[in-house]
Amino acid sequence: MMNEMMSAGLEIMLVGMGTVFLFLAMLIVTVNIMSTLVQRFYPEILTKSVTDIDPNVIAAISAAVHQYRKKP
């Protein structure tokens, strides 16, 4: 009786872990494919988002981070 319950529990555990592993693997592959497609077909979006930032905003963020890290 106990041996059957242990084997059933082990089987359920392996099926659950296998399902999670397959889902995460598919998620990684999908994200990589989407990233490749965006870089290939819409490269101007990536460069535009980096160059559109106001230098004053960058300076304010840098000052805030520096002040935060300086606190004990």
PDB file of N, CA and C in Angstrom:
ATOM      1  N   MET A   1       0.824  -1.201   0.000  1.00  0.00           N
ATOM      2  CA  MET A   1       0.000   0.000   0.000  1.00  0.00           C
ATOM      3  C   MET A   1       0.863   1.259   0.000  1.00  0.00           C
ATOM      4  N   MET A   2       1.841   1.317   0.906  1.00  0.00           N
ATOM      5  CA  MET A   2       2.701   2.494   1.004  1.00  0.00           C
ATOM      6  C   MET A   2       3.587   2.621  -0.238  1.00  0.00           C
ATOM      7  N   ASN A   3       4.031   1.472  -0.748  1.00  0.00           N
ATOM      8  CA  ASN A   3       4.894   1.474  -1.927  1.00  0.00           C
ATOM      9  C   ASN A   3       4.144   2.005  -3.147  1.00  0.00           C
ATOM     10  N   GLU A   4       2.863   1.660  -3.275  1.00  0.00           N
ATOM     11  CA  GLU A   4       2.058   2.134  -4.393  1.00  0.00           C
ATOM     12  C   GLU A   4       1.841   3.648  -4.307  1.00  0.00           C
ATOM     13  N   MET A   5       1.625   4.140  -3.091  1.00  0.00           N
ATOM     14  CA  MET A   5       1.428   5.581  -2.910  1.00  0.00           C
ATOM     15  C   MET A   5       2.704   6.359  -3.230  1.00  0.00           C
ATOM     16  N   MET A   6       3.852   5.798  -2.827  1.00  0.00           N
ATOM     17  CA  MET A   6       5.123   6.467  -3.125  1.00  0.00           C
ATOM     18  C   MET A   6       5.379   6.515  -4.623  1.00  0.00           C
ATOM     19  N   SER A   7       5.095   5.430  -5.318  1.00  0.00           N
ATOM     20  CA  SER A   7       5.323   5.415  -6.770  1.00  0.00           C
ATOM     21  C   SER A   7       4.346   6.359  -7.478  1.00  0.00           C
ATOM     22  N   ALA A   8       3.099   6.424  -6.996  1.00  0.00           N
ATOM     23  CA  ALA A   8       2.134   7.348  -7.592  1.00  0.00           C
ATOM     24  C   ALA A   8       2.571   8.795  -7.342  1.00  0.00           C
ATOM     25  N   GLY A   9       3.038   9.082  -6.131  1.00  0.00           N
ATOM     26  CA  GLY A   9       3.524  10.425  -5.825  1.00  0.00           C
ATOM     27  C   GLY A   9       4.731  10.802  -6.661  1.00  0.00           C
ATOM     28  N   LEU A  10       5.641   9.855  -6.843  1.00  0.00           N
ATOM     29  CA  LEU A  10       6.828  10.091  -7.661  1.00  0.00           C
ATOM     30  C   LEU A  10       6.438  10.341  -9.115  1.00  0.00           C
ATOM     31  N   GLU A  11       5.470   9.582  -9.594  1.00  0.00           N
ATOM     32  CA  GLU A  11       5.003   9.758 -10.973  1.00  0.00           C
ATOM     33  C   GLU A  11       4.373  11.137 -11.163  1.00  0.00           C
ATOM     34  N   ILE A  12       3.526  11.551 -10.229  1.00  0.00           N
ATOM     35  CA  ILE A  12       2.894  12.866 -10.323  1.00  0.00           C
ATOM     36  C   ILE A  12       3.951  13.963 -10.265  1.00  0.00           C
ATOM     37  N   MET A  13       4.950  13.795  -9.394  1.00  0.00           N
ATOM     38  CA  MET A  13       6.014  14.787  -9.278  1.00  0.00           C
ATOM     39  C   MET A  13       6.791  14.908 -10.589  1.00  0.00           C
ATOM     40  N   LEU A  14       7.136  13.783 -11.191  1.00  0.00           N
ATOM     41  CA  LEU A  14       7.905  13.812 -12.437  1.00  0.00           C
ATOM     42  C   LEU A  14       7.098  14.410 -13.583  1.00  0.00           C
ATOM     43  N   VAL A  15       5.815  14.095 -13.650  1.00  0.00           N
ATOM     44  CA  VAL A  15       4.971  14.674 -14.701  1.00  0.00           C
ATOM     45  C   VAL A  15       4.864  16.188 -14.510  1.00  0.00           C
ATOM     46  N   GLY A  16       4.683  16.628 -13.274  1.00  0.00           N
ATOM     47  CA  GLY A  16       4.582  18.062 -13.006  1.00  0.00           C
ATOM     48  C   GLY A  16       5.874  18.791 -13.317  1.00  0.00           C
ATOM     49  N   MET A  17       6.999  18.242 -12.896  1.00  0.00           N
ATOM     50  CA  MET A  17       8.288  18.883 -13.162  1.00  0.00           C
ATOM     51  C   MET A  17       8.600  18.870 -14.654  1.00  0.00           C
ATOM     52  N   GLY A  18       8.234  17.802 -15.334  1.00  0.00           N
ATOM     53  CA  GLY A  18       8.437  17.742 -16.785  1.00  0.00           C
ATOM     54  C   GLY A  18       7.603  18.777 -17.511  1.00  0.00           C
ATOM     55  N   THR A  19       6.369  18.966 -17.059  1.00  0.00           N
ATOM     56  CA  THR A  19       5.494  19.965 -17.669  1.00  0.00           C
ATOM     57  C   THR A  19       6.060  21.368 -17.484  1.00  0.00           C
ATOM     58  N   VAL A  20       6.514  21.670 -16.278  1.00  0.00           N
ATOM     59  CA  VAL A  20       7.095  22.991 -16.016  1.00  0.00           C
ATOM     60  C   VAL A  20       8.360  23.186 -16.847  1.00  0.00           C
ATOM     61  N   PHE A  21       9.202  22.170 -16.924  1.00  0.00           N
ATOM     62  CA  PHE A  21      10.433  22.274 -17.709  1.00  0.00           C
ATOM     63  C   PHE A  21      10.117  22.533 -19.181  1.00  0.00           C
ATOM     64  N   LEU A  22       9.165  21.783 -19.741  1.00  0.00           N
ATOM     65  CA  LEU A  22       8.810  21.982 -21.148  1.00  0.00           C
ATOM     66  C   LEU A  22       8.224  23.375 -21.388  1.00  0.00           C
ATOM     67  N   PHE A  23       7.382  23.851 -20.472  1.00  0.00           N
ATOM     68  CA  PHE A  23       6.808  25.183 -20.620  1.00  0.00           C
ATOM     69  C   PHE A  23       7.900  26.246 -20.607  1.00  0.00           C
ATOM     70  N   LEU A  24       8.835  26.147 -19.666  1.00  0.00           N
ATOM     71  CA  LEU A  24       9.905  27.149 -19.589  1.00  0.00           C
ATOM     72  C   LEU A  24      10.821  27.079 -20.806  1.00  0.00           C
ATOM     73  N   ALA A  25      11.103  25.879 -21.289  1.00  0.00           N
ATOM     74  CA  ALA A  25      11.930  25.738 -22.492  1.00  0.00           C
ATOM     75  C   ALA A  25      11.239  26.374 -23.695  1.00  0.00           C
ATOM     76  N   MET A  26       9.927  26.129 -23.833  1.00  0.00           N
ATOM     77  CA  MET A  26       9.183  26.740 -24.936  1.00  0.00           C
ATOM     78  C   MET A  26       9.146  28.257 -24.798  1.00  0.00           C
ATOM     79  N   LEU A  27       9.031  28.758 -23.580  1.00  0.00           N
ATOM     80  CA  LEU A  27       9.029  30.202 -23.349  1.00  0.00           C
ATOM     81  C   LEU A  27      10.354  30.828 -23.759  1.00  0.00           C
ATOM     82  N   ILE A  28      11.463  30.184 -23.406  1.00  0.00           N
ATOM     83  CA  ILE A  28      12.783  30.706 -23.771  1.00  0.00           C
ATOM     84  C   ILE A  28      12.955  30.729 -25.279  1.00  0.00           C
ATOM     85  N   VAL A  29      12.561  29.648 -25.938  1.00  0.00           N
ATOM     86  CA  VAL A  29      12.694  29.583 -27.399  1.00  0.00           C
ATOM     87  C   VAL A  29      11.826  30.661 -28.055  1.00  0.00           C
ATOM     88  N   THR A  30      10.605  30.838 -27.572  1.00  0.00           N
ATOM     89  CA  THR A  30       9.699  31.836 -28.148  1.00  0.00           C
ATOM     90  C   THR A  30      10.240  33.251 -27.969  1.00  0.00           C
ATOM     91  N   VAL A  31      10.756  33.557 -26.792  1.00  0.00           N
ATOM     92  CA  VAL A  31      11.302  34.897 -26.544  1.00  0.00           C
ATOM     93  C   VAL A  31      12.523  35.143 -27.432  1.00  0.00           C
ATOM     94  N   ASN A  32      13.367  34.146 -27.590  1.00  0.00           N
ATOM     95  CA  ASN A  32      14.542  34.313 -28.463  1.00  0.00           C
ATOM     96  C   ASN A  32      14.134  34.528 -29.919  1.00  0.00           C
ATOM     97  N   ILE A  33      13.134  33.797 -30.376  1.00  0.00           N
ATOM     98  CA  ILE A  33      12.666  33.974 -31.750  1.00  0.00           C
ATOM     99  C   ILE A  33      12.073  35.371 -31.936  1.00  0.00           C
ATOM    100  N   MET A  34      11.258  35.808 -30.980  1.00  0.00           N
ATOM    101  CA  MET A  34      10.673  37.144 -31.079  1.00  0.00           C
ATOM    102  C   MET A  34      11.750  38.223 -31.060  1.00  0.00           C
ATOM    103  N   SER A  35      12.760  38.058 -30.232  1.00  0.00           N
ATOM    104  CA  SER A  35      13.846  39.029 -30.170  1.00  0.00           C
ATOM    105  C   SER A  35      14.585  39.097 -31.496  1.00  0.00           C
ATOM    106  N   THR A  36      14.839  37.946 -32.089  1.00  0.00           N
ATOM    107  CA  THR A  36      15.523  37.914 -33.382  1.00  0.00           C
ATOM    108  C   THR A  36      14.682  38.595 -34.460  1.00  0.00           C
ATOM    109  N   LEU A  37      13.388  38.329 -34.465  1.00  0.00           N
ATOM    110  CA  LEU A  37      12.520  38.937 -35.470  1.00  0.00           C
ATOM    111  C   LEU A  37      12.448  40.454 -35.316  1.00  0.00           C
ATOM    112  N   VAL A  38      12.359  40.928 -34.086  1.00  0.00           N
ATOM    113  CA  VAL A  38      12.302  42.379 -33.867  1.00  0.00           C
ATOM    114  C   VAL A  38      13.610  43.031 -34.299  1.00  0.00           C
ATOM    115  N   GLN A  39      14.733  42.408 -33.966  1.00  0.00           N
ATOM    116  CA  GLN A  39      16.024  42.979 -34.354  1.00  0.00           C
ATOM    117  C   GLN A  39      16.199  42.977 -35.868  1.00  0.00           C
ATOM    118  N   ARG A  40      15.647  41.986 -36.535  1.00  0.00           N
ATOM    119  CA  ARG A  40      15.821  41.897 -37.980  1.00  0.00           C
ATOM    120  C   ARG A  40      14.890  42.844 -38.734  1.00  0.00           C
ATOM    121  N   PHE A  41      13.617  42.912 -38.337  1.00  0.00           N
ATOM    122  CA  PHE A  41      12.637  43.656 -39.117  1.00  0.00           C
ATOM    123  C   PHE A  41      12.358  45.066 -38.591  1.00  0.00           C
ATOM    124  N   TYR A  42      12.665  45.343 -37.329  1.00  0.00           N
ATOM    125  CA  TYR A  42      12.410  46.665 -36.764  1.00  0.00           C
ATOM    126  C   TYR A  42      13.619  47.184 -35.983  1.00  0.00           C
ATOM    127  N   PRO A  43      14.774  47.301 -36.613  1.00  0.00           N
ATOM    128  CA  PRO A  43      15.949  47.761 -35.859  1.00  0.00           C
ATOM    129  C   PRO A  43      15.845  49.223 -35.435  1.00  0.00           C
ATOM    130  N   GLU A  44      15.044  50.016 -36.146  1.00  0.00           N
ATOM    131  CA  GLU A  44      14.941  51.428 -35.800  1.00  0.00           C
ATOM    132  C   GLU A  44      14.230  51.639 -34.466  1.00  0.00           C
ATOM    133  N   ILE A  45      13.388  50.717 -34.056  1.00  0.00           N
ATOM    134  CA  ILE A  45      12.705  50.835 -32.762  1.00  0.00           C
ATOM    135  C   ILE A  45      13.717  50.735 -31.632  1.00  0.00           C
ATOM    136  N   LEU A  46      14.666  49.825 -31.751  1.00  0.00           N
ATOM    137  CA  LEU A  46      15.648  49.640 -30.694  1.00  0.00           C
ATOM    138  C   LEU A  46      16.577  50.839 -30.577  1.00  0.00           C
ATOM    139  N   THR A  47      17.045  51.372 -31.701  1.00  0.00           N
ATOM    140  CA  THR A  47      17.961  52.511 -31.637  1.00  0.00           C
ATOM    141  C   THR A  47      17.229  53.793 -31.253  1.00  0.00           C
ATOM    142  N   LYS A  48      15.976  53.930 -31.673  1.00  0.00           N
ATOM    143  CA  LYS A  48      15.212  55.129 -31.352  1.00  0.00           C
ATOM    144  C   LYS A  48      14.914  55.204 -29.859  1.00  0.00           C
ATOM    145  N   SER A  49      14.592  54.071 -29.236  1.00  0.00           N
ATOM    146  CA  SER A  49      14.238  54.100 -27.817  1.00  0.00           C
ATOM    147  C   SER A  49      15.439  54.476 -26.956  1.00  0.00           C
ATOM    148  N   VAL A  50      16.633  54.174 -27.412  1.00  0.00           N
ATOM    149  CA  VAL A  50      17.826  54.513 -26.638  1.00  0.00           C
ATOM    150  C   VAL A  50      18.201  55.974 -26.830  1.00  0.00           C
ATOM    151  N   THR A  51      18.042  56.511 -28.019  1.00  0.00           N
ATOM    152  CA  THR A  51      18.487  57.880 -28.291  1.00  0.00           C
ATOM    153  C   THR A  51      17.434  58.932 -27.963  1.00  0.00           C
ATOM    154  N   ASP A  52      16.214  58.535 -27.665  1.00  0.00           N
ATOM    155  CA  ASP A  52      15.150  59.495 -27.371  1.00  0.00           C
ATOM    156  C   ASP A  52      15.145  59.980 -25.926  1.00  0.00           C
ATOM    157  N   ILE A  53      15.994  59.458 -25.093  1.00  0.00           N
ATOM    158  CA  ILE A  53      15.981  59.821 -23.679  1.00  0.00           C
ATOM    159  C   ILE A  53      16.624  61.193 -23.509  1.00  0.00           C
ATOM    160  N   ASP A  54      15.935  62.043 -22.776  1.00  0.00           N
ATOM    161  CA  ASP A  54      16.413  63.406 -22.517  1.00  0.00           C
ATOM    162  C   ASP A  54      17.649  63.357 -21.613  1.00  0.00           C
ATOM    163  N   PRO A  55      18.714  64.052 -21.954  1.00  0.00           N
ATOM    164  CA  PRO A  55      19.919  64.045 -21.115  1.00  0.00           C
ATOM    165  C   PRO A  55      19.667  64.549 -19.699  1.00  0.00           C
ATOM    166  N   ASN A  56      18.707  65.469 -19.536  1.00  0.00           N
ATOM    167  CA  ASN A  56      18.384  65.947 -18.191  1.00  0.00           C
ATOM    168  C   ASN A  56      17.784  64.837 -17.332  1.00  0.00           C
ATOM    169  N   VAL A  57      17.003  63.973 -17.942  1.00  0.00           N
ATOM    170  CA  VAL A  57      16.418  62.845 -17.209  1.00  0.00           C
ATOM    171  C   VAL A  57      17.517  61.872 -16.788  1.00  0.00           C
ATOM    172  N   ILE A  58      18.446  61.620 -17.690  1.00  0.00           N
ATOM    173  CA  ILE A  58      19.564  60.729 -17.360  1.00  0.00           C
ATOM    174  C   ILE A  58      20.385  61.306 -16.218  1.00  0.00           C
ATOM    175  N   ALA A  59      20.625  62.604 -16.241  1.00  0.00           N
ATOM    176  CA  ALA A  59      21.390  63.250 -15.172  1.00  0.00           C
ATOM    177  C   ALA A  59      20.650  63.169 -13.847  1.00  0.00           C
ATOM    178  N   ALA A  60      19.337  63.367 -13.865  1.00  0.00           N
ATOM    179  CA  ALA A  60      18.549  63.304 -12.630  1.00  0.00           C
ATOM    180  C   ALA A  60      18.541  61.894 -12.055  1.00  0.00           C
ATOM    181  N   ILE A  61      18.397  60.907 -12.907  1.00  0.00           N
ATOM    182  CA  ILE A  61      18.407  59.516 -12.444  1.00  0.00           C
ATOM    183  C   ILE A  61      19.775  59.161 -11.884  1.00  0.00           C
ATOM    184  N   SER A  62      20.828  59.560 -12.573  1.00  0.00           N
ATOM    185  CA  SER A  62      22.187  59.275 -12.092  1.00  0.00           C
ATOM    186  C   SER A  62      22.444  59.929 -10.737  1.00  0.00           C
ATOM    187  N   ALA A  63      21.998  61.175 -10.570  1.00  0.00           N
ATOM    188  CA  ALA A  63      22.177  61.866  -9.292  1.00  0.00           C
ATOM    189  C   ALA A  63      21.392  61.178  -8.183  1.00  0.00           C
ATOM    190  N   ALA A  64      20.181  60.731  -8.489  1.00  0.00           N
ATOM    191  CA  ALA A  64      19.369  60.054  -7.481  1.00  0.00           C
ATOM    192  C   ALA A  64      19.991  58.726  -7.070  1.00  0.00           C
ATOM    193  N   VAL A  65      20.504  57.967  -8.030  1.00  0.00           N
ATOM    194  CA  VAL A  65      21.153  56.698  -7.705  1.00  0.00           C
ATOM    195  C   VAL A  65      22.416  56.932  -6.896  1.00  0.00           C
ATOM    196  N   HIS A  66      23.191  57.937  -7.267  1.00  0.00           N
ATOM    197  CA  HIS A  66      24.414  58.247  -6.529  1.00  0.00           C
ATOM    198  C   HIS A  66      24.088  58.642  -5.092  1.00  0.00           C
ATOM    199  N   GLN A  67      23.068  59.468  -4.915  1.00  0.00           N
ATOM    200  CA  GLN A  67      22.683  59.896  -3.563  1.00  0.00           C
ATOM    201  C   GLN A  67      22.158  58.719  -2.748  1.00  0.00           C
ATOM    202  N   TYR A  68      21.414  57.818  -3.385  1.00  0.00           N
ATOM    203  CA  TYR A  68      20.893  56.646  -2.675  1.00  0.00           C
ATOM    204  C   TYR A  68      22.026  55.725  -2.228  1.00  0.00           C
ATOM    205  N   ARG A  69      22.992  55.512  -3.097  1.00  0.00           N
ATOM    206  CA  ARG A  69      24.099  54.616  -2.756  1.00  0.00           C
ATOM    207  C   ARG A  69      25.044  55.236  -1.711  1.00  0.00           C
ATOM    208  N   LYS A  70      25.060  56.547  -1.605  1.00  0.00           N
ATOM    209  CA  LYS A  70      25.930  57.220  -0.659  1.00  0.00           C
ATOM    210  C   LYS A  70      25.408  57.098   0.765  1.00  0.00           C
ATOM    211  N   LYS A  71      24.123  56.907   0.947  1.00  0.00           N
ATOM    212  CA  LYS A  71      23.541  56.804   2.291  1.00  0.00           C
ATOM    213  C   LYS A  71      24.038  55.540   2.985  1.00  0.00           C
ATOM    214  N   PRO A  72      24.310  55.620   4.305  1.00  0.00           N
ATOM    215  CA  PRO A  72      24.782  54.425   5.033  1.00  0.00           C
ATOM    216  C   PRO A  72      23.715  53.398   5.266  1.00  0.00           C
TER     217      PRO A  72
END
